[in-house]
Amino acid sequence: MLTLGSGCVSVAVLLFAAAAAQSPTPAPAPCKSFTTCDTCLSNVTCLWCSTNASCTEYPVSHLLPPASICELSQARWGVCWVNFEAMIIAMAVVGGVLLLAITVCCCCCCCRCNRSSRLDRDEEEYARRREEIKQRSDDRKSERRARHDEIRKKYGLIPDSDHPYSRFENE
């Protein structure tokens, strides 16, 4: 049993299918029919050759159009004011600059990481050296104190010492 909602969907699908069957998409015009560079290059599959003012289909089997079709300096693709040769050179320069920029950025990031880790290591080494110096200073200080206490003890300058020459202050 069909409901009102599914019936509407079915009718819409049938109408869409009928409209699609009645209006087929027009096939792209063949490149040979174009007579100017602007009209030729409005279709991305076409290539304009300025040598003989002809529009041909771009040979997709080749990356670059062969010289038998048109010289690179006379071929136009995409826009009329730039020949294919200049476009290739410009794209190569832009690509090279981008690769160089990415390489420089990567190197800078690596150097920054190495520099920060090196600074951390230097800081840790500085703290370790400072701790060693402090430890040696404390050791020397305790040795001096022990020597001074021995001298005081020897000459009876420390009260409550068992030395025979201690002062008789309590008596």
C-alpha atoms as a PDB file:
ATOM      1  CA  MET A   1       0.000   0.000   0.000  1.00  0.00           C
ATOM      2  CA  LEU A   2       1.453   3.333  -1.060  1.00  0.00           C
ATOM      3  CA  THR A   3       1.321   6.331   1.193  1.00  0.00           C
ATOM      4  CA  LEU A   4       1.062   9.913   0.088  1.00  0.00           C
ATOM      5  CA  GLY A   5       4.766  10.622   0.847  1.00  0.00           C
ATOM      6  CA  SER A   6       6.121   7.686  -1.140  1.00  0.00           C
ATOM      7  CA  GLY A   7       3.779   8.476  -4.031  1.00  0.00           C
ATOM      8  CA  CYS A   8       5.132  12.020  -4.249  1.00  0.00           C
ATOM      9  CA  VAL A   9       8.685  10.736  -4.240  1.00  0.00           C
ATOM     10  CA  SER A  10       7.879   8.246  -6.978  1.00  0.00           C
ATOM     11  CA  VAL A  11       6.261  10.926  -9.137  1.00  0.00           C
ATOM     12  CA  ALA A  12       9.241  13.267  -8.606  1.00  0.00           C
ATOM     13  CA  VAL A  13      11.696  10.546  -9.609  1.00  0.00           C
ATOM     14  CA  LEU A  14       9.689   9.727 -12.738  1.00  0.00           C
ATOM     15  CA  LEU A  15       9.455  13.388 -13.746  1.00  0.00           C
ATOM     16  CA  PHE A  16      13.203  13.869 -13.224  1.00  0.00           C
ATOM     17  CA  ALA A  17      13.994  10.778 -15.286  1.00  0.00           C
ATOM     18  CA  ALA A  18      11.706  11.949 -18.080  1.00  0.00           C
ATOM     19  CA  ALA A  19      13.275  15.417 -18.090  1.00  0.00           C
ATOM     20  CA  ALA A  20      16.757  13.917 -18.184  1.00  0.00           C
ATOM     21  CA  ALA A  21      15.807  11.660 -21.078  1.00  0.00           C
ATOM     22  CA  GLN A  22      14.329  14.547 -23.068  1.00  0.00           C
ATOM     23  CA  SER A  23      17.275  16.963 -22.655  1.00  0.00           C
ATOM     24  CA  PRO A  24      20.518  15.134 -23.281  1.00  0.00           C
ATOM     25  CA  THR A  25      23.663  17.032 -22.419  1.00  0.00           C
ATOM     26  CA  PRO A  26      25.179  18.551 -25.538  1.00  0.00           C
ATOM     27  CA  ALA A  27      28.449  17.015 -26.612  1.00  0.00           C
ATOM     28  CA  PRO A  28      31.393  19.405 -26.517  1.00  0.00           C
ATOM     29  CA  ALA A  29      32.004  21.044 -29.843  1.00  0.00           C
ATOM     30  CA  PRO A  30      34.956  19.619 -31.739  1.00  0.00           C
ATOM     31  CA  CYS A  31      38.018  21.817 -31.566  1.00  0.00           C
ATOM     32  CA  LYS A  32      38.336  22.097 -35.365  1.00  0.00           C
ATOM     33  CA  SER A  33      35.226  24.305 -35.525  1.00  0.00           C
ATOM     34  CA  PHE A  34      36.744  27.148 -33.478  1.00  0.00           C
ATOM     35  CA  THR A  35      38.330  29.942 -35.475  1.00  0.00           C
ATOM     36  CA  THR A  36      39.714  32.307 -32.804  1.00  0.00           C
ATOM     37  CA  CYS A  37      42.038  31.738 -29.874  1.00  0.00           C
ATOM     38  CA  ASP A  38      39.481  32.880 -27.278  1.00  0.00           C
ATOM     39  CA  THR A  39      36.737  30.575 -28.524  1.00  0.00           C
ATOM     40  CA  CYS A  40      39.192  27.703 -28.915  1.00  0.00           C
ATOM     41  CA  LEU A  41      40.531  27.989 -25.386  1.00  0.00           C
ATOM     42  CA  SER A  42      37.058  28.265 -23.880  1.00  0.00           C
ATOM     43  CA  ASN A  43      37.095  24.458 -24.192  1.00  0.00           C
ATOM     44  CA  VAL A  44      39.854  23.042 -21.958  1.00  0.00           C
ATOM     45  CA  THR A  45      40.435  20.076 -24.261  1.00  0.00           C
ATOM     46  CA  CYS A  46      41.536  22.338 -27.115  1.00  0.00           C
ATOM     47  CA  LEU A  47      44.946  23.720 -28.036  1.00  0.00           C
ATOM     48  CA  TRP A  48      45.455  26.833 -30.201  1.00  0.00           C
ATOM     49  CA  CYS A  49      48.404  26.991 -32.554  1.00  0.00           C
ATOM     50  CA  SER A  50      49.363  30.526 -33.615  1.00  0.00           C
ATOM     51  CA  THR A  51      51.540  29.334 -36.489  1.00  0.00           C
ATOM     52  CA  ASN A  52      48.651  28.223 -38.666  1.00  0.00           C
ATOM     53  CA  ALA A  53      45.805  29.785 -36.577  1.00  0.00           C
ATOM     54  CA  SER A  54      44.190  26.429 -35.979  1.00  0.00           C
ATOM     55  CA  CYS A  55      42.464  24.841 -33.026  1.00  0.00           C
ATOM     56  CA  THR A  56      43.256  21.177 -32.354  1.00  0.00           C
ATOM     57  CA  GLU A  57      42.438  18.758 -29.643  1.00  0.00           C
ATOM     58  CA  TYR A  58      45.070  18.607 -26.913  1.00  0.00           C
ATOM     59  CA  PRO A  59      47.018  15.322 -27.214  1.00  0.00           C
ATOM     60  CA  VAL A  60      46.394  13.875 -23.757  1.00  0.00           C
ATOM     61  CA  SER A  61      48.595  10.881 -24.522  1.00  0.00           C
ATOM     62  CA  HIS A  62      51.617  13.235 -24.367  1.00  0.00           C
ATOM     63  CA  LEU A  63      52.485  15.496 -21.488  1.00  0.00           C
ATOM     64  CA  LEU A  64      53.624  18.215 -23.890  1.00  0.00           C
ATOM     65  CA  PRO A  65      52.190  18.608 -27.373  1.00  0.00           C
ATOM     66  CA  PRO A  66      54.623  17.223 -29.947  1.00  0.00           C
ATOM     67  CA  ALA A  67      56.260  19.559 -32.475  1.00  0.00           C
ATOM     68  CA  SER A  68      54.337  17.836 -35.278  1.00  0.00           C
ATOM     69  CA  ILE A  69      51.131  19.363 -33.897  1.00  0.00           C
ATOM     70  CA  CYS A  70      52.535  22.769 -32.942  1.00  0.00           C
ATOM     71  CA  GLU A  71      55.788  24.313 -31.697  1.00  0.00           C
ATOM     72  CA  LEU A  72      55.780  25.042 -27.959  1.00  0.00           C
ATOM     73  CA  SER A  73      56.566  28.710 -28.548  1.00  0.00           C
ATOM     74  CA  GLN A  74      53.448  29.017 -30.761  1.00  0.00           C
ATOM     75  CA  ALA A  75      51.077  26.780 -28.759  1.00  0.00           C
ATOM     76  CA  ARG A  76      48.472  28.335 -26.453  1.00  0.00           C
ATOM     77  CA  TRP A  77      46.546  26.450 -23.803  1.00  0.00           C
ATOM     78  CA  GLY A  78      44.415  27.926 -21.032  1.00  0.00           C
ATOM     79  CA  VAL A  79      44.972  31.584 -21.983  1.00  0.00           C
ATOM     80  CA  CYS A  80      45.799  33.241 -25.287  1.00  0.00           C
ATOM     81  CA  TRP A  81      48.371  35.724 -24.033  1.00  0.00           C
ATOM     82  CA  VAL A  82      50.896  33.146 -22.708  1.00  0.00           C
ATOM     83  CA  ASN A  83      52.551  30.616 -24.960  1.00  0.00           C
ATOM     84  CA  PHE A  84      53.033  27.053 -23.750  1.00  0.00           C
ATOM     85  CA  GLU A  85      56.803  27.404 -23.450  1.00  0.00           C
ATOM     86  CA  ALA A  86      56.548  30.477 -21.180  1.00  0.00           C
ATOM     87  CA  MET A  87      53.854  28.764 -19.107  1.00  0.00           C
ATOM     88  CA  ILE A  88      56.091  25.737 -18.556  1.00  0.00           C
ATOM     89  CA  ILE A  89      59.044  27.944 -17.574  1.00  0.00           C
ATOM     90  CA  ALA A  90      56.901  30.024 -15.213  1.00  0.00           C
ATOM     91  CA  MET A  91      55.409  26.936 -13.577  1.00  0.00           C
ATOM     92  CA  ALA A  92      58.885  25.425 -13.174  1.00  0.00           C
ATOM     93  CA  VAL A  93      60.161  28.628 -11.533  1.00  0.00           C
ATOM     94  CA  VAL A  94      57.162  28.810  -9.193  1.00  0.00           C
ATOM     95  CA  GLY A  95      57.553  25.125  -8.336  1.00  0.00           C
ATOM     96  CA  GLY A  96      61.283  25.570  -7.700  1.00  0.00           C
ATOM     97  CA  VAL A  97      60.673  28.571  -5.456  1.00  0.00           C
ATOM     98  CA  LEU A  98      58.046  26.626  -3.507  1.00  0.00           C
ATOM     99  CA  LEU A  99      60.391  23.653  -3.070  1.00  0.00           C
ATOM    100  CA  LEU A 100      63.185  25.966  -1.978  1.00  0.00           C
ATOM    101  CA  ALA A 101      60.896  27.733   0.504  1.00  0.00           C
ATOM    102  CA  ILE A 102      59.709  24.418   1.960  1.00  0.00           C
ATOM    103  CA  THR A 103      63.307  23.186   2.249  1.00  0.00           C
ATOM    104  CA  VAL A 104      64.403  26.392   3.986  1.00  0.00           C
ATOM    105  CA  CYS A 105      61.451  26.206   6.374  1.00  0.00           C
ATOM    106  CA  CYS A 106      62.246  22.582   7.232  1.00  0.00           C
ATOM    107  CA  CYS A 107      65.921  23.405   7.808  1.00  0.00           C
ATOM    108  CA  CYS A 108      65.029  26.380  10.005  1.00  0.00           C
ATOM    109  CA  CYS A 109      62.658  24.251  12.071  1.00  0.00           C
ATOM    110  CA  CYS A 110      65.304  21.545  12.496  1.00  0.00           C
ATOM    111  CA  CYS A 111      67.950  24.113  13.481  1.00  0.00           C
ATOM    112  CA  ARG A 112      65.573  25.706  15.966  1.00  0.00           C
ATOM    113  CA  CYS A 113      64.831  22.312  17.527  1.00  0.00           C
ATOM    114  CA  ASN A 114      68.539  21.464  17.703  1.00  0.00           C
ATOM    115  CA  ARG A 115      69.333  24.889  19.135  1.00  0.00           C
ATOM    116  CA  SER A 116      66.682  24.584  21.851  1.00  0.00           C
ATOM    117  CA  SER A 117      67.857  21.085  22.795  1.00  0.00           C
ATOM    118  CA  ARG A 118      71.453  22.333  22.799  1.00  0.00           C
ATOM    119  CA  LEU A 119      70.435  25.236  25.052  1.00  0.00           C
ATOM    120  CA  ASP A 120      68.686  22.795  27.378  1.00  0.00           C
ATOM    121  CA  ARG A 121      71.822  20.636  27.499  1.00  0.00           C
ATOM    122  CA  ASP A 122      73.999  23.703  28.141  1.00  0.00           C
ATOM    123  CA  GLU A 123      71.674  24.833  30.906  1.00  0.00           C
ATOM    124  CA  GLU A 124      71.736  21.389  32.508  1.00  0.00           C
ATOM    125  CA  GLU A 125      75.538  21.292  32.285  1.00  0.00           C
ATOM    126  CA  TYR A 126      75.758  24.776  33.804  1.00  0.00           C
ATOM    127  CA  ALA A 127      73.482  23.715  36.687  1.00  0.00           C
ATOM    128  CA  ARG A 128      75.561  20.544  37.211  1.00  0.00           C
ATOM    129  CA  ARG A 129      78.820  22.549  37.270  1.00  0.00           C
ATOM    130  CA  ARG A 130      77.304  25.076  39.659  1.00  0.00           C
ATOM    131  CA  GLU A 131      76.243  22.237  41.965  1.00  0.00           C
ATOM    132  CA  GLU A 132      79.759  20.707  41.841  1.00  0.00           C
ATOM    133  CA  ILE A 133      81.345  24.081  42.658  1.00  0.00           C
ATOM    134  CA  LYS A 134      78.935  24.545  45.560  1.00  0.00           C
ATOM    135  CA  GLN A 135      79.699  21.041  46.843  1.00  0.00           C
ATOM    136  CA  ARG A 136      83.465  21.667  46.690  1.00  0.00           C
ATOM    137  CA  SER A 137      82.999  25.011  48.428  1.00  0.00           C
ATOM    138  CA  ASP A 138      81.000  23.338  51.206  1.00  0.00           C
ATOM    139  CA  ASP A 139      83.683  20.634  51.558  1.00  0.00           C
ATOM    140  CA  ARG A 140      86.444  23.257  51.835  1.00  0.00           C
ATOM    141  CA  LYS A 141      84.381  25.215  54.335  1.00  0.00           C
ATOM    142  CA  SER A 142      83.859  22.155  56.547  1.00  0.00           C
ATOM    143  CA  GLU A 143      87.589  21.300  56.305  1.00  0.00           C
ATOM    144  CA  ARG A 144      88.499  24.853  57.376  1.00  0.00           C
ATOM    145  CA  ARG A 145      86.045  24.672  60.243  1.00  0.00           C
ATOM    146  CA  ALA A 146      87.523  21.330  61.359  1.00  0.00           C
ATOM    147  CA  ARG A 147      91.089  22.754  61.226  1.00  0.00           C
ATOM    148  CA  HIS A 148      90.049  25.849  63.126  1.00  0.00           C
ATOM    149  CA  ASP A 149      88.288  23.725  65.735  1.00  0.00           C
ATOM    150  CA  GLU A 150      91.454  21.620  66.105  1.00  0.00           C
ATOM    151  CA  ILE A 151      93.531  24.754  66.616  1.00  0.00           C
ATOM    152  CA  ARG A 152      91.019  26.088  69.163  1.00  0.00           C
ATOM    153  CA  LYS A 153      91.017  22.757  70.932  1.00  0.00           C
ATOM    154  CA  LYS A 154      94.814  22.628  70.955  1.00  0.00           C
ATOM    155  CA  TYR A 155      95.107  26.036  72.564  1.00  0.00           C
ATOM    156  CA  GLY A 156      92.135  25.563  74.836  1.00  0.00           C
ATOM    157  CA  LEU A 157      89.917  28.108  73.252  1.00  0.00           C
ATOM    158  CA  ILE A 158      86.931  25.780  73.166  1.00  0.00           C
ATOM    159  CA  PRO A 159      85.107  25.648  76.488  1.00  0.00           C
ATOM    160  CA  ASP A 160      84.134  22.178  77.759  1.00  0.00           C
ATOM    161  CA  SER A 161      87.127  20.568  76.092  1.00  0.00           C
ATOM    162  CA  ASP A 162      89.067  17.726  77.669  1.00  0.00           C
ATOM    163  CA  HIS A 163      92.411  19.245  76.816  1.00  0.00           C
ATOM    164  CA  PRO A 164      94.867  19.470  79.741  1.00  0.00           C
ATOM    165  CA  TYR A 165      95.492  23.121  79.014  1.00  0.00           C
ATOM    166  CA  SER A 166      91.810  24.093  79.083  1.00  0.00           C
ATOM    167  CA  ARG A 167      90.877  27.043  81.208  1.00  0.00           C
ATOM    168  CA  PHE A 168      89.554  26.577  84.685  1.00  0.00           C
ATOM    169  CA  GLU A 169      86.561  28.808  84.394  1.00  0.00           C
ATOM    170  CA  ASN A 170      84.108  26.809  86.458  1.00  0.00           C
ATOM    171  CA  GLU A 171      86.214  26.712  89.589  1.00  0.00           C
END
